[in-house]
Amino acid sequence: MAVLALFALPATIDLWRDPRAGLDLDDEGLRWFSGTRHAEVAWGEVGHVRLDTRLDFSVRASVVLADGGRKIRLPYESTPPHKALEAALLARGIAVQRHHFSLIG
């Protein structure tokens, strides 16, 4: 029984710690946080946002920087539903690229 309980230990710790995750869009830029991780990107640094639909139908978001095309992946737990995210980005004039079912990316 103790061996089986070890498999549930990480989930139990997460439940006890109650980590928060989210994404903020404001006039200055894009900020996200997940547990103890956090980052922000100013709108002037953003080339476009890439939304990748994976084979399991989940959507992963990446910010592609204007200077050189470096990608910064947003934590999955921080991203809102992809349609709402895309609408909010387009309302701010940020280009959004959709890519469906890529195995590598």
N, C-alpha and C. Protein backbone atom coordinates (compact mmCIF):
# COMPACT_ATOMS: atom_id res chain seq x y z
N MET A 1 0.82 -1.18 0.00
CA MET A 1 0.00 0.00 0.00
C MET A 1 0.87 1.26 0.00
N ALA A 2 1.97 1.21 0.74
CA ALA A 2 2.87 2.37 0.82
C ALA A 2 3.49 2.68 -0.54
N VAL A 3 3.79 1.65 -1.32
CA VAL A 3 4.36 1.86 -2.65
C VAL A 3 3.36 2.59 -3.55
N LEU A 4 2.10 2.22 -3.48
CA LEU A 4 1.08 2.90 -4.27
C LEU A 4 0.88 4.34 -3.82
N ALA A 5 1.00 4.59 -2.54
CA ALA A 5 0.86 5.95 -2.01
C ALA A 5 1.97 6.86 -2.53
N LEU A 6 3.16 6.30 -2.81
CA LEU A 6 4.26 7.11 -3.34
C LEU A 6 3.91 7.73 -4.69
N PHE A 7 3.10 7.02 -5.49
CA PHE A 7 2.71 7.56 -6.78
C PHE A 7 1.78 8.77 -6.64
N ALA A 8 1.02 8.84 -5.58
CA ALA A 8 0.10 9.96 -5.35
C ALA A 8 0.75 11.11 -4.59
N LEU A 9 1.96 10.91 -4.11
CA LEU A 9 2.62 11.94 -3.31
C LEU A 9 2.81 13.27 -4.04
N PRO A 10 3.31 13.31 -5.30
CA PRO A 10 3.45 14.61 -5.98
C PRO A 10 2.12 15.35 -6.13
N ALA A 11 1.06 14.63 -6.45
CA ALA A 11 -0.26 15.28 -6.58
C ALA A 11 -0.75 15.80 -5.23
N THR A 12 -0.48 15.06 -4.18
CA THR A 12 -0.88 15.49 -2.84
C THR A 12 -0.12 16.74 -2.42
N ILE A 13 1.15 16.80 -2.74
CA ILE A 13 1.96 17.99 -2.42
C ILE A 13 1.44 19.20 -3.20
N ASP A 14 1.13 19.02 -4.48
CA ASP A 14 0.57 20.12 -5.27
C ASP A 14 -0.76 20.59 -4.70
N LEU A 15 -1.57 19.67 -4.29
CA LEU A 15 -2.87 20.02 -3.70
C LEU A 15 -2.67 20.82 -2.41
N TRP A 16 -1.72 20.43 -1.61
CA TRP A 16 -1.45 21.13 -0.35
C TRP A 16 -0.85 22.52 -0.59
N ARG A 17 0.10 22.63 -1.55
CA ARG A 17 0.75 23.91 -1.84
C ARG A 17 -0.18 24.87 -2.57
N ASP A 18 -1.12 24.35 -3.34
CA ASP A 18 -2.08 25.14 -4.10
C ASP A 18 -1.39 26.20 -4.97
N PRO A 19 -0.53 25.76 -5.93
CA PRO A 19 0.19 26.73 -6.76
C PRO A 19 -0.77 27.49 -7.68
N ARG A 20 -0.50 28.76 -7.88
CA ARG A 20 -1.31 29.62 -8.74
C ARG A 20 -0.64 29.75 -10.10
N ALA A 21 -1.44 29.93 -11.13
CA ALA A 21 -0.93 30.14 -12.48
C ALA A 21 -1.87 31.11 -13.20
N GLY A 22 -1.30 31.92 -14.06
CA GLY A 22 -2.13 32.86 -14.80
C GLY A 22 -1.35 33.64 -15.82
N LEU A 23 -2.08 34.47 -16.56
CA LEU A 23 -1.52 35.28 -17.63
C LEU A 23 -2.17 36.65 -17.57
N ASP A 24 -1.37 37.71 -17.68
CA ASP A 24 -1.88 39.07 -17.66
C ASP A 24 -1.47 39.79 -18.94
N LEU A 25 -2.43 40.45 -19.56
CA LEU A 25 -2.17 41.31 -20.71
C LEU A 25 -2.51 42.73 -20.29
N ASP A 26 -1.57 43.66 -20.46
CA ASP A 26 -1.89 45.05 -20.18
C ASP A 26 -1.24 45.93 -21.25
N ASP A 27 -1.24 47.23 -21.05
CA ASP A 27 -0.71 48.15 -22.06
C ASP A 27 0.79 48.01 -22.25
N GLU A 28 1.49 47.50 -21.26
CA GLU A 28 2.94 47.39 -21.33
C GLU A 28 3.42 46.09 -21.95
N GLY A 29 2.71 44.99 -21.70
CA GLY A 29 3.17 43.72 -22.24
C GLY A 29 2.39 42.54 -21.73
N LEU A 30 3.04 41.42 -21.82
CA LEU A 30 2.46 40.12 -21.48
C LEU A 30 3.23 39.56 -20.30
N ARG A 31 2.52 39.16 -19.23
CA ARG A 31 3.15 38.57 -18.04
C ARG A 31 2.46 37.25 -17.72
N TRP A 32 3.25 36.28 -17.30
CA TRP A 32 2.67 35.01 -16.88
C TRP A 32 3.40 34.50 -15.65
N PHE A 33 2.69 33.65 -14.92
CA PHE A 33 3.25 33.07 -13.72
C PHE A 33 2.69 31.67 -13.55
N SER A 34 3.48 30.81 -12.93
CA SER A 34 3.08 29.44 -12.68
C SER A 34 3.90 28.94 -11.50
N GLY A 35 3.26 28.82 -10.36
CA GLY A 35 3.98 28.41 -9.16
C GLY A 35 5.01 29.47 -8.80
N THR A 36 6.28 29.09 -8.79
CA THR A 36 7.35 30.04 -8.47
C THR A 36 7.97 30.66 -9.72
N ARG A 37 7.58 30.18 -10.91
CA ARG A 37 8.13 30.72 -12.16
C ARG A 37 7.29 31.91 -12.61
N HIS A 38 7.94 32.92 -13.15
CA HIS A 38 7.24 34.06 -13.72
C HIS A 38 8.14 34.76 -14.74
N ALA A 39 7.53 35.44 -15.69
CA ALA A 39 8.28 36.15 -16.72
C ALA A 39 7.38 37.20 -17.34
N GLU A 40 7.99 38.11 -18.07
CA GLU A 40 7.21 39.10 -18.79
C GLU A 40 7.95 39.51 -20.05
N VAL A 41 7.17 39.93 -21.05
CA VAL A 41 7.70 40.37 -22.33
C VAL A 41 6.96 41.65 -22.69
N ALA A 42 7.71 42.69 -23.05
CA ALA A 42 7.09 43.94 -23.49
C ALA A 42 6.55 43.75 -24.91
N TRP A 43 5.49 44.48 -25.23
CA TRP A 43 4.87 44.34 -26.55
C TRP A 43 5.86 44.64 -27.67
N GLY A 44 6.79 45.55 -27.45
CA GLY A 44 7.77 45.89 -28.47
C GLY A 44 8.72 44.75 -28.82
N GLU A 45 8.84 43.79 -27.93
CA GLU A 45 9.72 42.63 -28.15
C GLU A 45 9.01 41.49 -28.87
N VAL A 46 7.68 41.53 -28.92
CA VAL A 46 6.90 40.42 -29.47
C VAL A 46 6.80 40.54 -30.98
N GLY A 47 7.26 39.52 -31.71
CA GLY A 47 7.08 39.46 -33.16
C GLY A 47 5.68 38.96 -33.47
N HIS A 48 5.34 37.81 -32.91
CA HIS A 48 4.00 37.24 -33.01
C HIS A 48 3.85 36.16 -31.94
N VAL A 49 2.64 35.68 -31.79
CA VAL A 49 2.36 34.59 -30.87
C VAL A 49 1.95 33.39 -31.71
N ARG A 50 2.54 32.27 -31.41
CA ARG A 50 2.27 31.04 -32.16
C ARG A 50 1.42 30.11 -31.29
N LEU A 51 0.32 29.63 -31.83
CA LEU A 51 -0.55 28.68 -31.14
C LEU A 51 -0.47 27.35 -31.88
N ASP A 52 0.06 26.34 -31.23
CA ASP A 52 0.24 25.01 -31.82
C ASP A 52 -0.79 24.05 -31.26
N THR A 53 -1.59 23.46 -32.14
CA THR A 53 -2.51 22.42 -31.73
C THR A 53 -1.76 21.10 -31.81
N ARG A 54 -1.70 20.39 -30.70
CA ARG A 54 -0.97 19.13 -30.62
C ARG A 54 -1.89 17.97 -30.99
N LEU A 55 -1.31 16.79 -31.09
CA LEU A 55 -2.09 15.61 -31.47
C LEU A 55 -3.16 15.24 -30.45
N ASP A 56 -2.96 15.65 -29.19
CA ASP A 56 -3.97 15.37 -28.17
C ASP A 56 -5.00 16.49 -28.08
N PHE A 57 -5.00 17.40 -29.08
CA PHE A 57 -5.92 18.54 -29.20
C PHE A 57 -5.70 19.63 -28.16
N SER A 58 -4.61 19.56 -27.40
CA SER A 58 -4.27 20.66 -26.52
C SER A 58 -3.59 21.74 -27.37
N VAL A 59 -3.65 22.97 -26.91
CA VAL A 59 -3.04 24.08 -27.64
C VAL A 59 -1.94 24.68 -26.79
N ARG A 60 -0.73 24.74 -27.34
CA ARG A 60 0.42 25.31 -26.65
C ARG A 60 0.70 26.68 -27.25
N ALA A 61 1.03 27.63 -26.41
CA ALA A 61 1.30 28.99 -26.86
C ALA A 61 2.77 29.31 -26.70
N SER A 62 3.32 29.99 -27.71
CA SER A 62 4.71 30.44 -27.68
C SER A 62 4.75 31.89 -28.14
N VAL A 63 5.57 32.69 -27.48
CA VAL A 63 5.81 34.06 -27.91
C VAL A 63 7.08 34.02 -28.75
N VAL A 64 6.99 34.48 -30.00
CA VAL A 64 8.16 34.53 -30.88
C VAL A 64 8.65 35.98 -30.87
N LEU A 65 9.89 36.16 -30.45
CA LEU A 65 10.45 37.49 -30.32
C LEU A 65 10.79 38.09 -31.67
N ALA A 66 10.66 39.41 -31.78
CA ALA A 66 10.90 40.11 -33.04
C ALA A 66 12.37 40.09 -33.43
N ASP A 67 13.26 40.07 -32.48
CA ASP A 67 14.70 40.12 -32.78
C ASP A 67 15.29 38.72 -32.86
N GLY A 68 15.20 38.11 -34.01
CA GLY A 68 15.83 36.81 -34.19
C GLY A 68 14.90 35.62 -34.16
N GLY A 69 13.67 35.79 -33.77
CA GLY A 69 12.72 34.68 -33.80
C GLY A 69 12.83 33.68 -32.67
N ARG A 70 13.51 34.03 -31.59
CA ARG A 70 13.59 33.11 -30.45
C ARG A 70 12.20 32.89 -29.87
N LYS A 71 11.89 31.64 -29.51
CA LYS A 71 10.57 31.30 -28.97
C LYS A 71 10.62 31.15 -27.46
N ILE A 72 9.62 31.72 -26.81
CA ILE A 72 9.44 31.54 -25.37
C ILE A 72 8.11 30.83 -25.18
N ARG A 73 8.15 29.62 -24.68
CA ARG A 73 6.92 28.86 -24.46
C ARG A 73 6.24 29.31 -23.18
N LEU A 74 4.95 29.52 -23.28
CA LEU A 74 4.16 29.85 -22.10
C LEU A 74 3.81 28.55 -21.39
N PRO A 75 3.88 28.51 -20.08
CA PRO A 75 3.49 27.28 -19.37
C PRO A 75 2.03 26.96 -19.68
N TYR A 76 1.77 25.69 -19.94
CA TYR A 76 0.41 25.28 -20.33
C TYR A 76 -0.61 25.66 -19.27
N GLU A 77 -0.24 25.54 -18.00
CA GLU A 77 -1.18 25.83 -16.93
C GLU A 77 -1.47 27.33 -16.81
N SER A 78 -0.64 28.17 -17.43
CA SER A 78 -0.84 29.62 -17.36
C SER A 78 -1.74 30.17 -18.46
N THR A 79 -1.90 29.41 -19.52
CA THR A 79 -2.61 29.95 -20.68
C THR A 79 -4.12 29.76 -20.55
N PRO A 80 -4.87 30.80 -20.91
CA PRO A 80 -6.33 30.69 -20.92
C PRO A 80 -6.78 29.88 -22.14
N PRO A 81 -8.06 29.64 -22.30
CA PRO A 81 -8.54 28.95 -23.51
C PRO A 81 -8.02 29.68 -24.76
N HIS A 82 -7.58 28.91 -25.74
CA HIS A 82 -6.88 29.49 -26.89
C HIS A 82 -7.72 30.47 -27.69
N LYS A 83 -9.01 30.28 -27.78
CA LYS A 83 -9.84 31.23 -28.54
C LYS A 83 -9.89 32.59 -27.84
N ALA A 84 -10.00 32.59 -26.53
CA ALA A 84 -10.01 33.85 -25.78
C ALA A 84 -8.65 34.53 -25.86
N LEU A 85 -7.57 33.77 -25.77
CA LEU A 85 -6.23 34.33 -25.88
C LEU A 85 -6.01 34.94 -27.26
N GLU A 86 -6.40 34.22 -28.29
CA GLU A 86 -6.24 34.73 -29.65
C GLU A 86 -7.03 36.01 -29.86
N ALA A 87 -8.27 36.06 -29.38
CA ALA A 87 -9.09 37.27 -29.52
C ALA A 87 -8.47 38.46 -28.79
N ALA A 88 -7.94 38.23 -27.59
CA ALA A 88 -7.33 39.31 -26.82
C ALA A 88 -6.06 39.82 -27.50
N LEU A 89 -5.28 38.92 -28.06
CA LEU A 89 -4.06 39.34 -28.75
C LEU A 89 -4.38 40.11 -30.03
N LEU A 90 -5.35 39.63 -30.79
CA LEU A 90 -5.73 40.33 -32.01
C LEU A 90 -6.31 41.70 -31.71
N ALA A 91 -7.04 41.84 -30.61
CA ALA A 91 -7.59 43.13 -30.21
C ALA A 91 -6.48 44.12 -29.89
N ARG A 92 -5.32 43.64 -29.47
CA ARG A 92 -4.17 44.50 -29.17
C ARG A 92 -3.27 44.69 -30.38
N GLY A 93 -3.62 44.08 -31.51
CA GLY A 93 -2.82 44.23 -32.73
C GLY A 93 -1.62 43.32 -32.80
N ILE A 94 -1.60 42.26 -32.01
CA ILE A 94 -0.50 41.29 -32.02
C ILE A 94 -0.84 40.17 -33.01
N ALA A 95 0.08 39.89 -33.92
CA ALA A 95 -0.13 38.84 -34.91
C ALA A 95 -0.15 37.48 -34.22
N VAL A 96 -1.04 36.62 -34.68
CA VAL A 96 -1.16 35.26 -34.14
C VAL A 96 -1.05 34.28 -35.29
N GLN A 97 -0.20 33.29 -35.15
CA GLN A 97 -0.07 32.22 -36.14
C GLN A 97 -0.61 30.94 -35.54
N ARG A 98 -1.45 30.24 -36.30
CA ARG A 98 -2.00 28.95 -35.87
C ARG A 98 -1.27 27.84 -36.62
N HIS A 99 -0.86 26.82 -35.91
CA HIS A 99 -0.23 25.64 -36.51
C HIS A 99 -0.93 24.42 -35.92
N HIS A 100 -1.37 23.53 -36.80
CA HIS A 100 -2.15 22.39 -36.33
C HIS A 100 -1.35 21.10 -36.47
N PHE A 101 -1.36 20.31 -35.40
CA PHE A 101 -0.86 18.95 -35.36
C PHE A 101 0.61 18.83 -35.76
N SER A 102 1.45 19.65 -35.18
CA SER A 102 2.88 19.53 -35.43
C SER A 102 3.49 18.56 -34.42
N LEU A 103 4.32 17.67 -34.89
CA LEU A 103 4.97 16.71 -34.00
C LEU A 103 6.20 17.30 -33.34
N ILE A 104 6.86 18.20 -34.04
CA ILE A 104 8.07 18.84 -33.54
C ILE A 104 7.85 20.35 -33.63
N GLY A 105 8.21 21.07 -32.59
CA GLY A 105 8.02 22.51 -32.73
C GLY A 105 8.33 23.17 -31.50
